[in-house]
Amino acid sequence: MESQIIRPGYLTAHQAAHVLGVSLGGVRLLVHRGQLARAGGSPRQPWYKIEDVSALDAKRRNGRAA
C-alpha cells in the first residue's frame, strides 16, 4: 500500500514509476544502475526527489527521440 504521508517535493516509488512509465521493478532497476537515487522514506517505502525523476524522464524521452 502506498504511503499517504510524504514530504512536498518528493514522490513515492509508485508515483515515480507512473511518471517514468515503468513498473516498480523498473524503478528498483534504475536505482540499482545508479540512474535514480533514493532521497528518503524507508527501505520498504522509498521517496525520490521530483527534480531527479523529472530529469531522468526528460533524459529518457530525449534518448528515444534521437
Protein backbone atom coordinates (compact mmCIF):
# COMPACT_ATOMS: atom_id res chain seq x y z
CA MET A 1 0.00 0.00 0.00
CA GLU A 2 1.23 3.45 -0.91
CA SER A 3 2.14 5.81 1.92
CA GLN A 4 -0.27 8.71 2.34
CA ILE A 5 2.20 10.97 4.15
CA ILE A 6 5.07 12.27 2.06
CA ARG A 7 7.09 15.47 2.16
CA PRO A 8 6.45 18.09 -0.52
CA GLY A 9 8.92 17.82 -3.38
CA TYR A 10 9.14 14.03 -3.21
CA LEU A 11 7.44 11.12 -4.96
CA THR A 12 6.70 7.61 -3.78
CA ALA A 13 8.01 4.66 -5.78
CA HIS A 14 4.52 4.18 -7.26
CA GLN A 15 4.36 7.82 -8.34
CA ALA A 16 7.88 7.72 -9.79
CA ALA A 17 7.03 4.55 -11.71
CA HIS A 18 3.94 6.24 -13.15
CA VAL A 19 5.89 9.33 -14.24
CA LEU A 20 8.65 7.23 -15.82
CA GLY A 21 6.26 4.76 -17.42
CA VAL A 22 7.88 1.74 -15.78
CA SER A 23 6.91 -0.82 -13.16
CA LEU A 24 8.06 -0.79 -9.54
CA GLY A 25 10.69 -3.32 -10.58
CA GLY A 26 11.80 -0.84 -13.23
CA VAL A 27 12.26 1.84 -10.58
CA ARG A 28 14.32 -0.56 -8.46
CA LEU A 29 16.44 -1.39 -11.52
CA LEU A 30 17.06 2.32 -12.19
CA VAL A 31 18.21 2.73 -8.58
CA HIS A 32 20.44 -0.35 -8.86
CA ARG A 33 22.02 1.04 -12.06
CA GLY A 34 22.66 4.39 -10.39
CA GLN A 35 20.31 6.34 -12.67
CA LEU A 36 17.95 7.29 -9.83
CA ALA A 37 18.74 7.84 -6.15
CA ARG A 38 16.53 7.32 -3.14
CA ALA A 39 16.04 10.54 -1.22
CA GLY A 40 14.23 9.47 1.92
CA GLY A 41 11.41 7.34 3.21
CA SER A 42 12.17 3.84 4.42
CA PRO A 43 13.79 0.82 2.79
CA ARG A 44 10.32 -0.58 2.02
CA GLN A 45 8.76 2.76 1.02
CA PRO A 46 11.45 4.95 -0.54
CA TRP A 47 10.94 8.50 -1.74
CA TYR A 48 12.50 10.12 -4.77
CA LYS A 49 13.06 13.83 -5.44
CA ILE A 50 10.66 15.22 -8.02
CA GLU A 51 13.59 17.00 -9.72
CA ASP A 52 15.53 13.73 -10.09
CA VAL A 53 12.53 11.86 -11.51
CA SER A 54 11.69 14.71 -13.90
CA ALA A 55 15.30 14.97 -15.10
CA LEU A 56 15.50 11.22 -15.69
CA ASP A 57 12.16 11.27 -17.52
CA ALA A 58 13.38 14.10 -19.80
CA LYS A 59 16.66 12.28 -20.43
CA ARG A 60 14.83 9.06 -21.32
CA ARG A 61 12.42 10.89 -23.63
CA ASN A 62 15.26 12.68 -25.42
CA GLY A 63 17.08 9.39 -25.85
CA ARG A 64 14.04 7.84 -27.52
CA ALA A 65 13.60 10.81 -29.87
CA ALA A 66 17.19 10.65 -31.14
